[in-house]
Amino acid sequence: MPQPSLSTLLSTQLLRRAGIMAGVSFGLALALVGYLFGFADDDYFTRLFRAFFVFFWLLSVTFLAVVPFVSWAAAKWLAQPEGTPPAEASRKPRNAPASTTVRKPTRTVTRSEKTL
């Protein structure tokens, strides 16, 4: 079975993500416009389109640009170079206690009978 090319795989994943974001954006826009202005408004479809566009734009920029860039930047800039051993945390050595304290066992107290 032939392997799909990278461009095909990338475009199908991108289209799938865009479709999911479009559906979520449409649902959010529908709920927002319906709640704020009602469904019997003259400018209902104009407001619905504008709200859909804003939600879709915000979701697209966030999940297709910002999140992948932050992941890439964190992996590239914060990763240690290969071959470098991880730095050990420098701690002060703990002083051993001067003397050990012997604790007495707690004694159990029986309940007194209740009188009414």
PDB file of N, CA and C in Angstrom:
ATOM      1  N   MET A   1       0.851  -1.173   0.000  1.00  0.00           N
ATOM      2  CA  MET A   1       0.000   0.000   0.000  1.00  0.00           C
ATOM      3  C   MET A   1       0.897   1.237   0.000  1.00  0.00           C
ATOM      4  N   PRO A   2       0.711   2.156  -0.923  1.00  0.00           N
ATOM      5  CA  PRO A   2       1.595   3.321  -1.008  1.00  0.00           C
ATOM      6  C   PRO A   2       1.338   4.300   0.143  1.00  0.00           C
ATOM      7  N   GLN A   3       2.429   4.912   0.603  1.00  0.00           N
ATOM      8  CA  GLN A   3       2.336   5.905   1.670  1.00  0.00           C
ATOM      9  C   GLN A   3       1.845   7.235   1.093  1.00  0.00           C
ATOM     10  N   PRO A   4       0.961   7.933   1.794  1.00  0.00           N
ATOM     11  CA  PRO A   4       0.524   9.235   1.297  1.00  0.00           C
ATOM     12  C   PRO A   4       1.671  10.234   1.401  1.00  0.00           C
ATOM     13  N   SER A   5       1.709  11.168   0.483  1.00  0.00           N
ATOM     14  CA  SER A   5       2.768  12.172   0.507  1.00  0.00           C
ATOM     15  C   SER A   5       2.541  13.143   1.657  1.00  0.00           C
ATOM     16  N   LEU A   6       3.597  13.853   2.007  1.00  0.00           N
ATOM     17  CA  LEU A   6       3.521  14.785   3.128  1.00  0.00           C
ATOM     18  C   LEU A   6       2.524  15.904   2.857  1.00  0.00           C
ATOM     19  N   SER A   7       2.476  16.394   1.619  1.00  0.00           N
ATOM     20  CA  SER A   7       1.536  17.475   1.305  1.00  0.00           C
ATOM     21  C   SER A   7       0.087  17.000   1.408  1.00  0.00           C
ATOM     22  N   THR A   8      -0.177  15.763   0.996  1.00  0.00           N
ATOM     23  CA  THR A   8      -1.528  15.218   1.113  1.00  0.00           C
ATOM     24  C   THR A   8      -1.915  15.025   2.564  1.00  0.00           C
ATOM     25  N   LEU A   9      -0.976  14.482   3.340  1.00  0.00           N
ATOM     26  CA  LEU A   9      -1.244  14.251   4.750  1.00  0.00           C
ATOM     27  C   LEU A   9      -1.447  15.570   5.483  1.00  0.00           C
ATOM     28  N   LEU A  10      -0.616  16.553   5.164  1.00  0.00           N
ATOM     29  CA  LEU A  10      -0.727  17.850   5.811  1.00  0.00           C
ATOM     30  C   LEU A  10      -2.028  18.543   5.441  1.00  0.00           C
ATOM     31  N   SER A  11      -2.413  18.455   4.183  1.00  0.00           N
ATOM     32  CA  SER A  11      -3.639  19.138   3.770  1.00  0.00           C
ATOM     33  C   SER A  11      -4.879  18.472   4.360  1.00  0.00           C
ATOM     34  N   THR A  12      -4.892  17.147   4.479  1.00  0.00           N
ATOM     35  CA  THR A  12      -6.064  16.491   5.063  1.00  0.00           C
ATOM     36  C   THR A  12      -6.163  16.797   6.552  1.00  0.00           C
ATOM     37  N   GLN A  13      -5.034  16.806   7.245  1.00  0.00           N
ATOM     38  CA  GLN A  13      -5.074  17.157   8.669  1.00  0.00           C
ATOM     39  C   GLN A  13      -5.481  18.611   8.852  1.00  0.00           C
ATOM     40  N   LEU A  14      -4.966  19.476   8.000  1.00  0.00           N
ATOM     41  CA  LEU A  14      -5.295  20.889   8.092  1.00  0.00           C
ATOM     42  C   LEU A  14      -6.772  21.131   7.793  1.00  0.00           C
ATOM     43  N   LEU A  15      -7.293  20.457   6.772  1.00  0.00           N
ATOM     44  CA  LEU A  15      -8.718  20.600   6.443  1.00  0.00           C
ATOM     45  C   LEU A  15      -9.600  20.059   7.558  1.00  0.00           C
ATOM     46  N   ARG A  16      -9.187  18.963   8.170  1.00  0.00           N
ATOM     47  CA  ARG A  16      -9.965  18.387   9.268  1.00  0.00           C
ATOM     48  C   ARG A  16     -10.000  19.347  10.449  1.00  0.00           C
ATOM     49  N   ARG A  17      -8.842  19.906  10.801  1.00  0.00           N
ATOM     50  CA  ARG A  17      -8.791  20.863  11.905  1.00  0.00           C
ATOM     51  C   ARG A  17      -9.609  22.113  11.588  1.00  0.00           C
ATOM     52  N   ALA A  18      -9.507  22.592  10.361  1.00  0.00           N
ATOM     53  CA  ALA A  18     -10.270  23.774   9.961  1.00  0.00           C
ATOM     54  C   ALA A  18     -11.771  23.486  10.014  1.00  0.00           C
ATOM     55  N   GLY A  19     -12.176  22.301   9.620  1.00  0.00           N
ATOM     56  CA  GLY A  19     -13.593  21.933   9.693  1.00  0.00           C
ATOM     57  C   GLY A  19     -14.098  21.867  11.120  1.00  0.00           C
ATOM     58  N   ILE A  20     -13.280  21.316  12.010  1.00  0.00           N
ATOM     59  CA  ILE A  20     -13.678  21.260  13.420  1.00  0.00           C
ATOM     60  C   ILE A  20     -13.796  22.662  13.989  1.00  0.00           C
ATOM     61  N   MET A  21     -12.822  23.506  13.665  1.00  0.00           N
ATOM     62  CA  MET A  21     -12.872  24.887  14.159  1.00  0.00           C
ATOM     63  C   MET A  21     -14.046  25.656  13.565  1.00  0.00           C
ATOM     64  N   ALA A  22     -14.384  25.390  12.318  1.00  0.00           N
ATOM     65  CA  ALA A  22     -15.536  26.054  11.702  1.00  0.00           C
ATOM     66  C   ALA A  22     -16.829  25.629  12.395  1.00  0.00           C
ATOM     67  N   GLY A  23     -16.956  24.356  12.707  1.00  0.00           N
ATOM     68  CA  GLY A  23     -18.146  23.882  13.409  1.00  0.00           C
ATOM     69  C   GLY A  23     -18.276  24.474  14.799  1.00  0.00           C
ATOM     70  N   VAL A  24     -17.174  24.504  15.523  1.00  0.00           N
ATOM     71  CA  VAL A  24     -17.200  25.096  16.865  1.00  0.00           C
ATOM     72  C   VAL A  24     -17.494  26.588  16.777  1.00  0.00           C
ATOM     73  N   SER A  25     -16.886  27.259  15.813  1.00  0.00           N
ATOM     74  CA  SER A  25     -17.117  28.701  15.642  1.00  0.00           C
ATOM     75  C   SER A  25     -18.578  28.982  15.302  1.00  0.00           C
ATOM     76  N   PHE A  26     -19.149  28.175  14.427  1.00  0.00           N
ATOM     77  CA  PHE A  26     -20.551  28.373  14.056  1.00  0.00           C
ATOM     78  C   PHE A  26     -21.457  28.152  15.257  1.00  0.00           C
ATOM     79  N   GLY A  27     -21.173  27.127  16.049  1.00  0.00           N
ATOM     80  CA  GLY A  27     -21.981  26.879  17.248  1.00  0.00           C
ATOM     81  C   GLY A  27     -21.886  28.017  18.256  1.00  0.00           C
ATOM     82  N   LEU A  28     -20.671  28.507  18.482  1.00  0.00           N
ATOM     83  CA  LEU A  28     -20.504  29.630  19.404  1.00  0.00           C
ATOM     84  C   LEU A  28     -21.187  30.883  18.878  1.00  0.00           C
ATOM     85  N   ALA A  29     -21.044  31.156  17.586  1.00  0.00           N
ATOM     86  CA  ALA A  29     -21.676  32.341  16.992  1.00  0.00           C
ATOM     87  C   ALA A  29     -23.194  32.233  17.064  1.00  0.00           C
ATOM     88  N   LEU A  30     -23.719  31.068  16.774  1.00  0.00           N
ATOM     89  CA  LEU A  30     -25.170  30.854  16.826  1.00  0.00           C
ATOM     90  C   LEU A  30     -25.693  31.084  18.236  1.00  0.00           C
ATOM     91  N   ALA A  31     -24.991  30.550  19.224  1.00  0.00           N
ATOM     92  CA  ALA A  31     -25.422  30.722  20.609  1.00  0.00           C
ATOM     93  C   ALA A  31     -25.313  32.179  21.049  1.00  0.00           C
ATOM     94  N   LEU A  32     -24.223  32.835  20.693  1.00  0.00           N
ATOM     95  CA  LEU A  32     -24.021  34.214  21.106  1.00  0.00           C
ATOM     96  C   LEU A  32     -25.052  35.149  20.482  1.00  0.00           C
ATOM     97  N   VAL A  33     -25.232  35.067  19.186  1.00  0.00           N
ATOM     98  CA  VAL A  33     -26.172  35.960  18.498  1.00  0.00           C
ATOM     99  C   VAL A  33     -27.601  35.650  18.923  1.00  0.00           C
ATOM    100  N   GLY A  34     -27.921  34.386  19.056  1.00  0.00           N
ATOM    101  CA  GLY A  34     -29.268  34.027  19.503  1.00  0.00           C
ATOM    102  C   GLY A  34     -29.567  34.501  20.910  1.00  0.00           C
ATOM    103  N   TYR A  35     -28.578  34.433  21.787  1.00  0.00           N
ATOM    104  CA  TYR A  35     -28.786  34.865  23.172  1.00  0.00           C
ATOM    105  C   TYR A  35     -28.866  36.385  23.274  1.00  0.00           C
ATOM    106  N   LEU A  36     -27.971  37.066  22.578  1.00  0.00           N
ATOM    107  CA  LEU A  36     -27.926  38.518  22.725  1.00  0.00           C
ATOM    108  C   LEU A  36     -29.032  39.238  21.961  1.00  0.00           C
ATOM    109  N   PHE A  37     -29.320  38.824  20.742  1.00  0.00           N
ATOM    110  CA  PHE A  37     -30.229  39.587  19.890  1.00  0.00           C
ATOM    111  C   PHE A  37     -31.505  38.842  19.529  1.00  0.00           C
ATOM    112  N   GLY A  38     -31.564  37.557  19.757  1.00  0.00           N
ATOM    113  CA  GLY A  38     -32.737  36.782  19.384  1.00  0.00           C
ATOM    114  C   GLY A  38     -32.657  36.346  17.926  1.00  0.00           C
ATOM    115  N   PHE A  39     -33.540  35.452  17.560  1.00  0.00           N
ATOM    116  CA  PHE A  39     -33.523  34.898  16.202  1.00  0.00           C
ATOM    117  C   PHE A  39     -34.400  35.677  15.225  1.00  0.00           C
ATOM    118  N   ALA A  40     -35.253  36.539  15.717  1.00  0.00           N
ATOM    119  CA  ALA A  40     -36.184  37.272  14.850  1.00  0.00           C
ATOM    120  C   ALA A  40     -35.683  38.685  14.572  1.00  0.00           C
ATOM    121  N   ASP A  41     -34.380  38.870  14.534  1.00  0.00           N
ATOM    122  CA  ASP A  41     -33.802  40.188  14.290  1.00  0.00           C
ATOM    123  C   ASP A  41     -33.597  40.388  12.787  1.00  0.00           C
ATOM    124  N   ASP A  42     -33.665  41.645  12.337  1.00  0.00           N
ATOM    125  CA  ASP A  42     -33.479  41.929  10.918  1.00  0.00           C
ATOM    126  C   ASP A  42     -32.050  41.651  10.459  1.00  0.00           C
ATOM    127  N   ASP A  43     -31.087  41.947  11.295  1.00  0.00           N
ATOM    128  CA  ASP A  43     -29.681  41.757  10.944  1.00  0.00           C
ATOM    129  C   ASP A  43     -29.123  40.437  11.476  1.00  0.00           C
ATOM    130  N   TYR A  44     -29.956  39.437  11.612  1.00  0.00           N
ATOM    131  CA  TYR A  44     -29.533  38.178  12.232  1.00  0.00           C
ATOM    132  C   TYR A  44     -28.390  37.525  11.455  1.00  0.00           C
ATOM    133  N   PHE A  45     -28.518  37.384  10.153  1.00  0.00           N
ATOM    134  CA  PHE A  45     -27.494  36.679   9.373  1.00  0.00           C
ATOM    135  C   PHE A  45     -26.198  37.481   9.259  1.00  0.00           C
ATOM    136  N   THR A  46     -26.308  38.799   9.232  1.00  0.00           N
ATOM    137  CA  THR A  46     -25.105  39.636   9.214  1.00  0.00           C
ATOM    138  C   THR A  46     -24.334  39.482  10.512  1.00  0.00           C
ATOM    139  N   ARG A  47     -25.060  39.556  11.626  1.00  0.00           N
ATOM    140  CA  ARG A  47     -24.407  39.382  12.925  1.00  0.00           C
ATOM    141  C   ARG A  47     -23.870  37.967  13.091  1.00  0.00           C
ATOM    142  N   LEU A  48     -24.588  36.979  12.594  1.00  0.00           N
ATOM    143  CA  LEU A  48     -24.126  35.597  12.675  1.00  0.00           C
ATOM    144  C   LEU A  48     -22.840  35.405  11.887  1.00  0.00           C
ATOM    145  N   PHE A  49     -22.772  35.974  10.681  1.00  0.00           N
ATOM    146  CA  PHE A  49     -21.562  35.851   9.868  1.00  0.00           C
ATOM    147  C   PHE A  49     -20.385  36.547  10.534  1.00  0.00           C
ATOM    148  N   ARG A  50     -20.600  37.738  11.070  1.00  0.00           N
ATOM    149  CA  ARG A  50     -19.516  38.467  11.723  1.00  0.00           C
ATOM    150  C   ARG A  50     -19.012  37.723  12.958  1.00  0.00           C
ATOM    151  N   ALA A  51     -19.922  37.219  13.757  1.00  0.00           N
ATOM    152  CA  ALA A  51     -19.519  36.474  14.961  1.00  0.00           C
ATOM    153  C   ALA A  51     -18.793  35.186  14.567  1.00  0.00           C
ATOM    154  N   PHE A  52     -19.282  34.501  13.529  1.00  0.00           N
ATOM    155  CA  PHE A  52     -18.608  33.290  13.045  1.00  0.00           C
ATOM    156  C   PHE A  52     -17.198  33.615  12.580  1.00  0.00           C
ATOM    157  N   PHE A  53     -17.047  34.680  11.829  1.00  0.00           N
ATOM    158  CA  PHE A  53     -15.736  35.067  11.310  1.00  0.00           C
ATOM    159  C   PHE A  53     -14.772  35.395  12.453  1.00  0.00           C
ATOM    160  N   VAL A  54     -15.240  36.128  13.457  1.00  0.00           N
ATOM    161  CA  VAL A  54     -14.373  36.483  14.589  1.00  0.00           C
ATOM    162  C   VAL A  54     -13.960  35.237  15.363  1.00  0.00           C
ATOM    163  N   PHE A  55     -14.908  34.370  15.680  1.00  0.00           N
ATOM    164  CA  PHE A  55     -14.578  33.144  16.410  1.00  0.00           C
ATOM    165  C   PHE A  55     -13.643  32.248  15.597  1.00  0.00           C
ATOM    166  N   PHE A  56     -13.923  32.107  14.315  1.00  0.00           N
ATOM    167  CA  PHE A  56     -13.078  31.257  13.472  1.00  0.00           C
ATOM    168  C   PHE A  56     -11.667  31.819  13.386  1.00  0.00           C
ATOM    169  N   TRP A  57     -11.541  33.117  13.225  1.00  0.00           N
ATOM    170  CA  TRP A  57     -10.227  33.750  13.146  1.00  0.00           C
ATOM    171  C   TRP A  57      -9.451  33.559  14.448  1.00  0.00           C
ATOM    172  N   LEU A  58     -10.096  33.781  15.587  1.00  0.00           N
ATOM    173  CA  LEU A  58      -9.424  33.622  16.871  1.00  0.00           C
ATOM    174  C   LEU A  58      -8.989  32.173  17.100  1.00  0.00           C
ATOM    175  N   LEU A  59      -9.862  31.229  16.821  1.00  0.00           N
ATOM    176  CA  LEU A  59      -9.508  29.823  17.005  1.00  0.00           C
ATOM    177  C   LEU A  59      -8.408  29.392  16.045  1.00  0.00           C
ATOM    178  N   SER A  60      -8.476  29.843  14.804  1.00  0.00           N
ATOM    179  CA  SER A  60      -7.476  29.457  13.815  1.00  0.00           C
ATOM    180  C   SER A  60      -6.096  29.979  14.180  1.00  0.00           C
ATOM    181  N   VAL A  61      -6.023  31.234  14.527  1.00  0.00           N
ATOM    182  CA  VAL A  61      -4.721  31.811  14.893  1.00  0.00           C
ATOM    183  C   VAL A  61      -4.178  31.132  16.141  1.00  0.00           C
ATOM    184  N   THR A  62      -5.042  30.871  17.098  1.00  0.00           N
ATOM    185  CA  THR A  62      -4.580  30.255  18.335  1.00  0.00           C
ATOM    186  C   THR A  62      -4.076  28.842  18.107  1.00  0.00           C
ATOM    187  N   PHE A  63      -4.887  27.987  17.470  1.00  0.00           N
ATOM    188  CA  PHE A  63      -4.557  26.571  17.401  1.00  0.00           C
ATOM    189  C   PHE A  63      -3.706  26.186  16.199  1.00  0.00           C
ATOM    190  N   LEU A  64      -3.652  27.021  15.181  1.00  0.00           N
ATOM    191  CA  LEU A  64      -2.819  26.675  14.027  1.00  0.00           C
ATOM    192  C   LEU A  64      -1.508  27.455  13.989  1.00  0.00           C
ATOM    193  N   ALA A  65      -1.379  28.515  14.783  1.00  0.00           N
ATOM    194  CA  ALA A  65      -0.145  29.301  14.749  1.00  0.00           C
ATOM    195  C   ALA A  65       0.498  29.440  16.124  1.00  0.00           C
ATOM    196  N   VAL A  66      -0.236  29.907  17.114  1.00  0.00           N
ATOM    197  CA  VAL A  66       0.359  30.219  18.408  1.00  0.00           C
ATOM    198  C   VAL A  66       0.773  28.963  19.156  1.00  0.00           C
ATOM    199  N   VAL A  67      -0.108  28.002  19.286  1.00  0.00           N
ATOM    200  CA  VAL A  67       0.207  26.789  20.046  1.00  0.00           C
ATOM    201  C   VAL A  67       1.357  25.998  19.404  1.00  0.00           C
ATOM    202  N   PRO A  68       1.359  25.760  18.086  1.00  0.00           N
ATOM    203  CA  PRO A  68       2.514  25.063  17.507  1.00  0.00           C
ATOM    204  C   PRO A  68       3.816  25.848  17.641  1.00  0.00           C
ATOM    205  N   PHE A  69       3.759  27.179  17.525  1.00  0.00           N
ATOM    206  CA  PHE A  69       4.980  27.964  17.664  1.00  0.00           C
ATOM    207  C   PHE A  69       5.528  27.891  19.082  1.00  0.00           C
ATOM    208  N   VAL A  70       4.669  27.989  20.074  1.00  0.00           N
ATOM    209  CA  VAL A  70       5.130  27.913  21.461  1.00  0.00           C
ATOM    210  C   VAL A  70       5.721  26.533  21.745  1.00  0.00           C
ATOM    211  N   SER A  71       5.104  25.479  21.239  1.00  0.00           N
ATOM    212  CA  SER A  71       5.651  24.128  21.422  1.00  0.00           C
ATOM    213  C   SER A  71       7.011  23.998  20.753  1.00  0.00           C
ATOM    214  N   TRP A  72       7.126  24.506  19.531  1.00  0.00           N
ATOM    215  CA  TRP A  72       8.397  24.441  18.815  1.00  0.00           C
ATOM    216  C   TRP A  72       9.468  25.255  19.523  1.00  0.00           C
ATOM    217  N   ALA A  73       9.112  26.463  19.952  1.00  0.00           N
ATOM    218  CA  ALA A  73      10.084  27.330  20.608  1.00  0.00           C
ATOM    219  C   ALA A  73      10.551  26.742  21.933  1.00  0.00           C
ATOM    220  N   ALA A  74       9.636  26.168  22.690  1.00  0.00           N
ATOM    221  CA  ALA A  74      10.020  25.567  23.965  1.00  0.00           C
ATOM    222  C   ALA A  74      10.935  24.370  23.742  1.00  0.00           C
ATOM    223  N   ALA A  75      10.638  23.561  22.733  1.00  0.00           N
ATOM    224  CA  ALA A  75      11.476  22.392  22.457  1.00  0.00           C
ATOM    225  C   ALA A  75      12.849  22.806  21.931  1.00  0.00           C
ATOM    226  N   LYS A  76      12.897  23.852  21.126  1.00  0.00           N
ATOM    227  CA  LYS A  76      14.160  24.252  20.516  1.00  0.00           C
ATOM    228  C   LYS A  76      15.010  25.100  21.446  1.00  0.00           C
ATOM    229  N   TRP A  77      14.430  26.067  22.111  1.00  0.00           N
ATOM    230  CA  TRP A  77      15.208  27.021  22.893  1.00  0.00           C
ATOM    231  C   TRP A  77      15.457  26.569  24.322  1.00  0.00           C
ATOM    232  N   LEU A  78      14.567  25.768  24.882  1.00  0.00           N
ATOM    233  CA  LEU A  78      14.734  25.364  26.270  1.00  0.00           C
ATOM    234  C   LEU A  78      15.351  23.983  26.429  1.00  0.00           C
ATOM    235  N   ALA A  79      15.519  23.276  25.335  1.00  0.00           N
ATOM    236  CA  ALA A  79      16.108  21.938  25.414  1.00  0.00           C
ATOM    237  C   ALA A  79      17.613  22.061  25.590  1.00  0.00           C
ATOM    238  N   GLN A  80      18.192  21.096  26.317  1.00  0.00           N
ATOM    239  CA  GLN A  80      19.636  21.082  26.498  1.00  0.00           C
ATOM    240  C   GLN A  80      20.287  20.469  25.276  1.00  0.00           C
ATOM    241  N   PRO A  81      21.486  20.925  24.929  1.00  0.00           N
ATOM    242  CA  PRO A  81      22.185  20.326  23.790  1.00  0.00           C
ATOM    243  C   PRO A  81      22.481  18.855  24.045  1.00  0.00           C
ATOM    244  N   GLU A  82      22.548  18.093  22.964  1.00  0.00           N
ATOM    245  CA  GLU A  82      22.813  16.667  23.110  1.00  0.00           C
ATOM    246  C   GLU A  82      24.217  16.468  23.660  1.00  0.00           C
ATOM    247  N   GLY A  83      24.381  15.472  24.501  1.00  0.00           N
ATOM    248  CA  GLY A  83      25.680  15.174  25.076  1.00  0.00           C
ATOM    249  C   GLY A  83      25.955  15.933  26.352  1.00  0.00           C
ATOM    250  N   THR A  84      25.117  16.898  26.705  1.00  0.00           N
ATOM    251  CA  THR A  84      25.314  17.636  27.940  1.00  0.00           C
ATOM    252  C   THR A  84      24.556  16.914  29.051  1.00  0.00           C
ATOM    253  N   PRO A  85      25.273  16.547  30.116  1.00  0.00           N
ATOM    254  CA  PRO A  85      24.553  15.876  31.201  1.00  0.00           C
ATOM    255  C   PRO A  85      23.644  16.855  31.919  1.00  0.00           C
ATOM    256  N   PRO A  86      22.536  16.392  32.443  1.00  0.00           N
ATOM    257  CA  PRO A  86      21.630  17.298  33.152  1.00  0.00           C
ATOM    258  C   PRO A  86      22.305  17.853  34.406  1.00  0.00           C
ATOM    259  N   ALA A  87      22.085  19.106  34.658  1.00  0.00           N
ATOM    260  CA  ALA A  87      22.684  19.756  35.822  1.00  0.00           C
ATOM    261  C   ALA A  87      22.011  19.250  37.088  1.00  0.00           C
ATOM    262  N   GLU A  88      22.836  18.948  38.091  1.00  0.00           N
ATOM    263  CA  GLU A  88      22.296  18.482  39.362  1.00  0.00           C
ATOM    264  C   GLU A  88      21.986  19.688  40.233  1.00  0.00           C
ATOM    265  N   ALA A  89      20.931  19.584  40.980  1.00  0.00           N
ATOM    266  CA  ALA A  89      20.549  20.672  41.861  1.00  0.00           C
ATOM    267  C   ALA A  89      21.555  20.759  43.000  1.00  0.00           C
ATOM    268  N   SER A  90      21.992  21.962  43.286  1.00  0.00           N
ATOM    269  CA  SER A  90      22.943  22.131  44.390  1.00  0.00           C
ATOM    270  C   SER A  90      22.151  22.355  45.665  1.00  0.00           C
ATOM    271  N   ARG A  91      22.371  21.477  46.619  1.00  0.00           N
ATOM    272  CA  ARG A  91      21.688  21.561  47.903  1.00  0.00           C
ATOM    273  C   ARG A  91      22.714  21.585  49.016  1.00  0.00           C
ATOM    274  N   LYS A  92      22.340  22.188  50.083  1.00  0.00           N
ATOM    275  CA  LYS A  92      23.182  22.122  51.267  1.00  0.00           C
ATOM    276  C   LYS A  92      23.020  20.740  51.879  1.00  0.00           C
ATOM    277  N   PRO A  93      24.103  20.163  52.349  1.00  0.00           N
ATOM    278  CA  PRO A  93      23.935  18.869  53.025  1.00  0.00           C
ATOM    279  C   PRO A  93      23.189  19.069  54.343  1.00  0.00           C
ATOM    280  N   ARG A  94      22.332  18.148  54.639  1.00  0.00           N
ATOM    281  CA  ARG A  94      21.552  18.236  55.868  1.00  0.00           C
ATOM    282  C   ARG A  94      22.417  17.821  57.042  1.00  0.00           C
ATOM    283  N   ASN A  95      22.317  18.561  58.097  1.00  0.00           N
ATOM    284  CA  ASN A  95      23.034  18.206  59.319  1.00  0.00           C
ATOM    285  C   ASN A  95      22.287  17.094  60.031  1.00  0.00           C
ATOM    286  N   ALA A  96      23.040  16.130  60.519  1.00  0.00           N
ATOM    287  CA  ALA A  96      22.419  15.044  61.275  1.00  0.00           C
ATOM    288  C   ALA A  96      21.971  15.597  62.621  1.00  0.00           C
ATOM    289  N   PRO A  97      20.841  15.148  63.126  1.00  0.00           N
ATOM    290  CA  PRO A  97      20.397  15.644  64.433  1.00  0.00           C
ATOM    291  C   PRO A  97      21.414  15.269  65.515  1.00  0.00           C
ATOM    292  N   ALA A  98      21.580  16.170  66.484  1.00  0.00           N
ATOM    293  CA  ALA A  98      22.571  15.959  67.536  1.00  0.00           C
ATOM    294  C   ALA A  98      22.223  14.753  68.389  1.00  0.00           C
ATOM    295  N   SER A  99      20.997  14.629  68.755  1.00  0.00           N
ATOM    296  CA  SER A  99      20.595  13.473  69.556  1.00  0.00           C
ATOM    297  C   SER A  99      19.229  13.018  69.080  1.00  0.00           C
ATOM    298  N   THR A 100      19.017  11.739  69.166  1.00  0.00           N
ATOM    299  CA  THR A 100      17.712  11.228  68.762  1.00  0.00           C
ATOM    300  C   THR A 100      16.768  11.296  69.942  1.00  0.00           C
ATOM    301  N   THR A 101      15.565  11.668  69.686  1.00  0.00           N
ATOM    302  CA  THR A 101      14.560  11.794  70.733  1.00  0.00           C
ATOM    303  C   THR A 101      13.728  10.527  70.755  1.00  0.00           C
ATOM    304  N   VAL A 102      13.571   9.964  71.939  1.00  0.00           N
ATOM    305  CA  VAL A 102      12.731   8.781  72.085  1.00  0.00           C
ATOM    306  C   VAL A 102      11.364   9.255  72.525  1.00  0.00           C
ATOM    307  N   ARG A 103      10.381   8.884  71.765  1.00  0.00           N
ATOM    308  CA  ARG A 103       9.023   9.307  72.082  1.00  0.00           C
ATOM    309  C   ARG A 103       8.296   8.187  72.816  1.00  0.00           C
ATOM    310  N   LYS A 104       7.495   8.604  73.753  1.00  0.00           N
ATOM    311  CA  LYS A 104       6.682   7.639  74.478  1.00  0.00           C
ATOM    312  C   LYS A 104       5.480   7.270  73.621  1.00  0.00           C
ATOM    313  N   PRO A 105       5.046   6.044  73.670  1.00  0.00           N
ATOM    314  CA  PRO A 105       3.837   5.692  72.924  1.00  0.00           C
ATOM    315  C   PRO A 105       2.623   6.369  73.551  1.00  0.00           C
ATOM    316  N   THR A 106       1.681   6.707  72.718  1.00  0.00           N
ATOM    317  CA  THR A 106       0.474   7.354  73.236  1.00  0.00           C
ATOM    318  C   THR A 106      -0.363   6.334  73.982  1.00  0.00           C
ATOM    319  N   ARG A 107      -0.967   6.773  75.050  1.00  0.00           N
ATOM    320  CA  ARG A 107      -1.795   5.842  75.807  1.00  0.00           C
ATOM    321  C   ARG A 107      -3.230   5.946  75.331  1.00  0.00           C
ATOM    322  N   THR A 108      -3.898   4.874  75.388  1.00  0.00           N
ATOM    323  CA  THR A 108      -5.284   4.859  74.928  1.00  0.00           C
ATOM    324  C   THR A 108      -6.183   5.109  76.132  1.00  0.00           C
ATOM    325  N   VAL A 109      -7.178   5.892  75.919  1.00  0.00           N
ATOM    326  CA  VAL A 109      -8.119   6.247  76.985  1.00  0.00           C
ATOM    327  C   VAL A 109      -9.439   5.568  76.665  1.00  0.00           C
ATOM    328  N   THR A 110      -9.984   4.880  77.607  1.00  0.00           N
ATOM    329  CA  THR A 110     -11.279   4.232  77.380  1.00  0.00           C
ATOM    330  C   THR A 110     -12.376   5.260  77.596  1.00  0.00           C
ATOM    331  N   ARG A 111     -13.424   5.058  76.873  1.00  0.00           N
ATOM    332  CA  ARG A 111     -14.562   5.963  77.009  1.00  0.00           C
ATOM    333  C   ARG A 111     -15.329   5.639  78.277  1.00  0.00           C
ATOM    334  N   SER A 112     -15.725   6.690  78.914  1.00  0.00           N
ATOM    335  CA  SER A 112     -16.559   6.464  80.095  1.00  0.00           C
ATOM    336  C   SER A 112     -17.993   6.240  79.635  1.00  0.00           C
ATOM    337  N   GLU A 113     -18.701   5.482  80.386  1.00  0.00           N
ATOM    338  CA  GLU A 113     -20.081   5.185  80.013  1.00  0.00           C
ATOM    339  C   GLU A 113     -20.939   6.432  80.177  1.00  0.00           C
ATOM    340  N   LYS A 114     -21.804   6.619  79.263  1.00  0.00           N
ATOM    341  CA  LYS A 114     -22.684   7.775  79.316  1.00  0.00           C
ATOM    342  C   LYS A 114     -23.866   7.466  80.224  1.00  0.00           C
ATOM    343  N   THR A 115     -24.188   8.423  81.039  1.00  0.00           N
ATOM    344  CA  THR A 115     -25.369   8.261  81.876  1.00  0.00           C
ATOM    345  C   THR A 115     -26.389   9.315  81.473  1.00  0.00           C
ATOM    346  N   LEU A 116     -27.568   8.872  81.349  1.00  0.00           N
ATOM    347  CA  LEU A 116     -28.623   9.799  80.947  1.00  0.00           C
ATOM    348  C   LEU A 116     -29.503  10.151  82.078  1.00  0.00           C
TER     349      LEU A 116
END
